[in-house]
């Protein structure tokens, strides 16, 4: 009985986490390539390189690349990844 209650609580917690993730994704804002280039002050070649290396990967919407605003914030702040400045310094010598 004790084990069953733990399993039930675990399942409920996972379901709640999934619901929260779905809500976050539904509320996500996306920016086009031009907006991202202006915001991060980088060229299109840099965005292509970052996509290739998995640093800032776009989502395809039709034939356009769109970038999640949360990913752009991550790049700007360096949260859970290196910052744009340190990335560029490391790769440019």
N, C-alpha and C. Protein backbone atom coordinates (compact mmCIF):
# COMPACT_ATOMS: atom_id res chain seq x y z
N UNK A 1 0.83 -1.18 0.00
CA UNK A 1 0.00 0.00 0.00
C UNK A 1 0.88 1.26 0.00
N UNK A 2 1.92 1.26 0.81
CA UNK A 2 2.84 2.40 0.86
C UNK A 2 3.52 2.59 -0.49
N UNK A 3 3.98 1.50 -1.08
CA UNK A 3 4.65 1.57 -2.39
C UNK A 3 3.70 2.10 -3.45
N UNK A 4 2.45 1.65 -3.40
CA UNK A 4 1.46 2.12 -4.37
C UNK A 4 1.24 3.62 -4.27
N UNK A 5 1.21 4.15 -3.06
CA UNK A 5 1.00 5.59 -2.89
C UNK A 5 2.19 6.38 -3.43
N UNK A 6 3.39 5.85 -3.25
CA UNK A 6 4.58 6.51 -3.79
C UNK A 6 4.54 6.51 -5.32
N UNK A 7 4.16 5.39 -5.90
CA UNK A 7 4.07 5.29 -7.35
C UNK A 7 3.02 6.27 -7.87
N UNK A 8 1.87 6.34 -7.21
CA UNK A 8 0.80 7.25 -7.64
C UNK A 8 1.26 8.71 -7.57
N UNK A 9 1.95 9.07 -6.49
CA UNK A 9 2.44 10.44 -6.35
C UNK A 9 3.47 10.76 -7.42
N UNK A 10 4.32 9.79 -7.72
CA UNK A 10 5.33 9.98 -8.76
C UNK A 10 4.67 10.18 -10.13
N UNK A 11 3.68 9.38 -10.43
CA UNK A 11 2.97 9.50 -11.70
C UNK A 11 2.28 10.85 -11.79
N UNK A 12 1.64 11.28 -10.73
CA UNK A 12 0.94 12.57 -10.72
C UNK A 12 1.93 13.72 -10.90
N UNK A 13 3.08 13.63 -10.27
CA UNK A 13 4.10 14.67 -10.40
C UNK A 13 4.61 14.74 -11.83
N UNK A 14 4.83 13.59 -12.45
CA UNK A 14 5.30 13.57 -13.84
C UNK A 14 4.25 14.15 -14.79
N UNK A 15 2.99 13.82 -14.56
CA UNK A 15 1.92 14.35 -15.40
C UNK A 15 1.84 15.87 -15.26
N UNK A 16 1.97 16.36 -14.04
CA UNK A 16 1.93 17.80 -13.82
C UNK A 16 3.11 18.49 -14.51
N UNK A 17 4.26 17.88 -14.44
CA UNK A 17 5.45 18.42 -15.11
C UNK A 17 5.25 18.47 -16.62
N UNK A 18 4.65 17.44 -17.18
CA UNK A 18 4.37 17.41 -18.62
C UNK A 18 3.38 18.51 -19.00
N UNK A 19 2.35 18.69 -18.20
CA UNK A 19 1.36 19.75 -18.46
C UNK A 19 2.03 21.12 -18.44
N UNK A 20 2.89 21.34 -17.47
CA UNK A 20 3.59 22.62 -17.36
C UNK A 20 4.49 22.85 -18.57
N UNK A 21 5.17 21.80 -19.03
CA UNK A 21 6.04 21.91 -20.20
C UNK A 21 5.23 22.24 -21.45
N UNK A 22 4.08 21.64 -21.58
CA UNK A 22 3.21 21.91 -22.74
C UNK A 22 2.73 23.36 -22.70
N UNK A 23 2.38 23.85 -21.53
CA UNK A 23 1.94 25.25 -21.41
C UNK A 23 3.07 26.21 -21.74
N UNK A 24 4.29 25.92 -21.26
CA UNK A 24 5.43 26.78 -21.56
C UNK A 24 5.68 26.82 -23.06
N UNK A 25 5.60 25.67 -23.70
CA UNK A 25 5.85 25.60 -25.14
C UNK A 25 4.77 26.35 -25.91
N UNK A 26 3.53 26.27 -25.47
CA UNK A 26 2.44 26.96 -26.14
C UNK A 26 2.59 28.48 -26.02
N UNK A 27 3.20 28.94 -24.94
CA UNK A 27 3.38 30.36 -24.71
C UNK A 27 4.69 30.90 -25.31
N UNK A 28 5.50 30.04 -25.88
CA UNK A 28 6.79 30.43 -26.43
C UNK A 28 6.63 31.41 -27.58
N UNK A 29 7.50 32.38 -27.64
CA UNK A 29 7.53 33.35 -28.72
C UNK A 29 8.71 33.03 -29.62
N UNK A 30 8.52 33.16 -30.92
CA UNK A 30 9.58 32.86 -31.87
C UNK A 30 9.94 34.11 -32.66
N UNK A 31 11.22 34.23 -32.97
CA UNK A 31 11.72 35.36 -33.75
C UNK A 31 12.31 34.84 -35.05
N UNK A 32 12.25 35.66 -36.11
CA UNK A 32 12.83 35.25 -37.38
C UNK A 32 14.33 35.55 -37.39
N UNK A 33 14.99 35.13 -38.45
CA UNK A 33 16.44 35.27 -38.55
C UNK A 33 16.89 36.72 -38.45
N UNK A 34 16.21 37.61 -39.15
CA UNK A 34 16.58 39.03 -39.13
C UNK A 34 16.50 39.59 -37.71
N UNK A 35 15.43 39.27 -37.00
CA UNK A 35 15.27 39.77 -35.63
C UNK A 35 16.37 39.24 -34.72
N UNK A 36 16.72 37.98 -34.88
CA UNK A 36 17.77 37.38 -34.04
C UNK A 36 19.13 37.99 -34.36
N UNK A 37 19.41 38.19 -35.65
CA UNK A 37 20.69 38.80 -36.03
C UNK A 37 20.83 40.18 -35.41
N UNK A 38 19.76 40.97 -35.46
CA UNK A 38 19.80 42.31 -34.88
C UNK A 38 19.92 42.27 -33.36
N UNK A 39 19.19 41.36 -32.74
CA UNK A 39 19.20 41.26 -31.28
C UNK A 39 20.56 40.82 -30.74
N UNK A 40 21.17 39.85 -31.41
CA UNK A 40 22.46 39.33 -30.94
C UNK A 40 23.65 40.00 -31.61
N UNK A 41 23.39 40.84 -32.61
CA UNK A 41 24.44 41.54 -33.34
C UNK A 41 25.43 40.56 -33.97
N UNK A 42 24.89 39.60 -34.71
CA UNK A 42 25.71 38.61 -35.41
C UNK A 42 25.24 38.53 -36.86
N UNK A 43 26.07 37.94 -37.71
CA UNK A 43 25.71 37.79 -39.12
C UNK A 43 25.00 36.44 -39.32
N UNK A 44 24.46 36.27 -40.51
CA UNK A 44 23.74 35.04 -40.82
C UNK A 44 24.67 33.83 -40.81
N UNK A 45 25.92 34.03 -41.22
CA UNK A 45 26.89 32.93 -41.19
C UNK A 45 27.12 32.42 -39.77
N UNK A 46 27.13 33.33 -38.80
CA UNK A 46 27.31 32.93 -37.41
C UNK A 46 26.11 32.10 -36.95
N UNK A 47 24.90 32.54 -37.31
CA UNK A 47 23.71 31.76 -36.93
C UNK A 47 23.76 30.37 -37.55
N UNK A 48 24.20 30.29 -38.80
CA UNK A 48 24.30 28.98 -39.46
C UNK A 48 25.33 28.10 -38.76
N UNK A 49 26.45 28.67 -38.37
CA UNK A 49 27.47 27.91 -37.66
C UNK A 49 26.96 27.44 -36.31
N UNK A 50 26.28 28.32 -35.59
CA UNK A 50 25.73 27.95 -34.28
C UNK A 50 24.69 26.83 -34.41
N UNK A 51 23.88 26.89 -35.47
CA UNK A 51 22.89 25.84 -35.71
C UNK A 51 23.59 24.51 -35.98
N UNK A 52 24.63 24.55 -36.79
CA UNK A 52 25.38 23.34 -37.13
C UNK A 52 26.02 22.71 -35.89
N UNK A 53 26.49 23.56 -34.98
CA UNK A 53 27.16 23.07 -33.77
C UNK A 53 26.19 22.82 -32.61
N UNK A 54 24.91 23.14 -32.82
CA UNK A 54 23.91 22.88 -31.78
C UNK A 54 23.85 23.94 -30.71
N UNK A 55 24.47 25.08 -30.94
CA UNK A 55 24.52 26.15 -29.94
C UNK A 55 23.21 26.94 -29.91
N UNK A 56 22.65 27.26 -31.08
CA UNK A 56 21.37 27.95 -31.20
C UNK A 56 20.67 27.38 -32.42
N UNK A 57 19.81 26.42 -32.20
CA UNK A 57 19.19 25.67 -33.29
C UNK A 57 17.81 26.24 -33.61
N UNK A 58 17.57 26.58 -34.88
CA UNK A 58 16.26 27.12 -35.25
C UNK A 58 15.22 26.02 -35.42
N UNK A 59 13.96 26.45 -35.43
CA UNK A 59 12.84 25.57 -35.71
C UNK A 59 12.36 25.95 -37.11
N UNK A 60 12.16 24.98 -37.97
CA UNK A 60 11.69 25.25 -39.32
C UNK A 60 10.18 25.46 -39.29
N UNK A 61 9.73 26.59 -39.82
CA UNK A 61 8.31 26.86 -40.00
C UNK A 61 8.13 27.15 -41.48
N UNK A 62 7.62 26.16 -42.19
CA UNK A 62 7.58 26.26 -43.65
C UNK A 62 9.01 26.23 -44.16
N UNK A 63 9.41 27.26 -44.87
CA UNK A 63 10.79 27.32 -45.35
C UNK A 63 11.61 28.37 -44.59
N UNK A 64 11.10 28.82 -43.45
CA UNK A 64 11.78 29.85 -42.67
C UNK A 64 12.33 29.28 -41.37
N UNK A 65 13.46 29.83 -40.95
CA UNK A 65 14.03 29.49 -39.65
C UNK A 65 13.46 30.44 -38.60
N UNK A 66 12.97 29.89 -37.52
CA UNK A 66 12.47 30.67 -36.40
C UNK A 66 13.22 30.22 -35.15
N UNK A 67 13.49 31.17 -34.27
CA UNK A 67 14.26 30.89 -33.07
C UNK A 67 13.42 31.17 -31.84
N UNK A 68 13.42 30.23 -30.89
CA UNK A 68 12.67 30.40 -29.65
C UNK A 68 13.31 31.51 -28.83
N UNK A 69 12.48 32.41 -28.33
CA UNK A 69 12.97 33.53 -27.54
C UNK A 69 13.70 33.03 -26.29
N UNK A 70 13.25 31.93 -25.73
CA UNK A 70 13.91 31.37 -24.54
C UNK A 70 15.33 30.92 -24.88
N UNK A 71 15.55 30.38 -26.08
CA UNK A 71 16.90 29.98 -26.50
C UNK A 71 17.79 31.21 -26.70
N UNK A 72 17.21 32.26 -27.22
CA UNK A 72 17.98 33.50 -27.42
C UNK A 72 18.38 34.08 -26.08
N UNK A 73 17.46 34.06 -25.11
CA UNK A 73 17.80 34.54 -23.76
C UNK A 73 18.91 33.70 -23.15
N UNK A 74 18.87 32.39 -23.40
CA UNK A 74 19.91 31.50 -22.88
C UNK A 74 21.26 31.89 -23.46
N UNK A 75 21.30 32.19 -24.75
CA UNK A 75 22.55 32.59 -25.40
C UNK A 75 23.02 33.93 -24.84
N UNK A 76 22.10 34.87 -24.66
CA UNK A 76 22.46 36.19 -24.15
C UNK A 76 23.02 36.13 -22.74
N UNK A 77 22.45 35.29 -21.90
CA UNK A 77 22.86 35.24 -20.50
C UNK A 77 23.93 34.20 -20.23
N UNK A 78 24.11 33.27 -21.16
CA UNK A 78 25.08 32.21 -20.93
C UNK A 78 24.56 31.13 -20.01
N UNK A 79 23.26 31.11 -19.74
CA UNK A 79 22.67 30.14 -18.83
C UNK A 79 22.73 28.73 -19.41
N UNK A 80 23.32 27.80 -18.67
CA UNK A 80 23.45 26.39 -19.05
C UNK A 80 24.24 26.21 -20.33
N UNK A 81 24.98 27.20 -20.70
CA UNK A 81 25.81 27.14 -21.88
C UNK A 81 26.78 28.30 -21.80
N UNK A 82 27.72 28.34 -22.69
CA UNK A 82 28.65 29.46 -22.66
C UNK A 82 28.02 30.68 -23.29
N UNK A 83 28.51 31.84 -22.94
CA UNK A 83 27.96 33.07 -23.50
C UNK A 83 28.45 33.26 -24.93
N UNK A 84 27.79 34.13 -25.65
CA UNK A 84 28.18 34.42 -27.03
C UNK A 84 29.61 34.95 -27.07
N UNK A 85 29.95 35.83 -26.14
CA UNK A 85 31.29 36.43 -26.12
C UNK A 85 32.36 35.37 -25.93
N UNK A 86 32.18 34.50 -24.93
CA UNK A 86 33.21 33.48 -24.68
C UNK A 86 33.27 32.48 -25.82
N UNK A 87 32.12 32.19 -26.43
CA UNK A 87 32.08 31.27 -27.58
C UNK A 87 32.91 31.85 -28.73
N UNK A 88 32.69 33.12 -29.02
CA UNK A 88 33.41 33.76 -30.11
C UNK A 88 34.90 33.88 -29.82
N UNK A 89 35.26 34.25 -28.59
CA UNK A 89 36.67 34.37 -28.22
C UNK A 89 37.38 33.03 -28.37
N UNK A 90 36.73 31.96 -27.91
CA UNK A 90 37.33 30.63 -27.96
C UNK A 90 37.55 30.19 -29.41
N UNK A 91 36.61 30.49 -30.28
CA UNK A 91 36.67 30.00 -31.65
C UNK A 91 37.40 30.94 -32.60
N UNK A 92 37.67 32.16 -32.16
CA UNK A 92 38.39 33.11 -33.02
C UNK A 92 39.83 33.34 -32.55
N UNK A 93 40.22 32.61 -31.55
CA UNK A 93 41.60 32.74 -31.12
C UNK A 93 41.73 33.60 -29.95
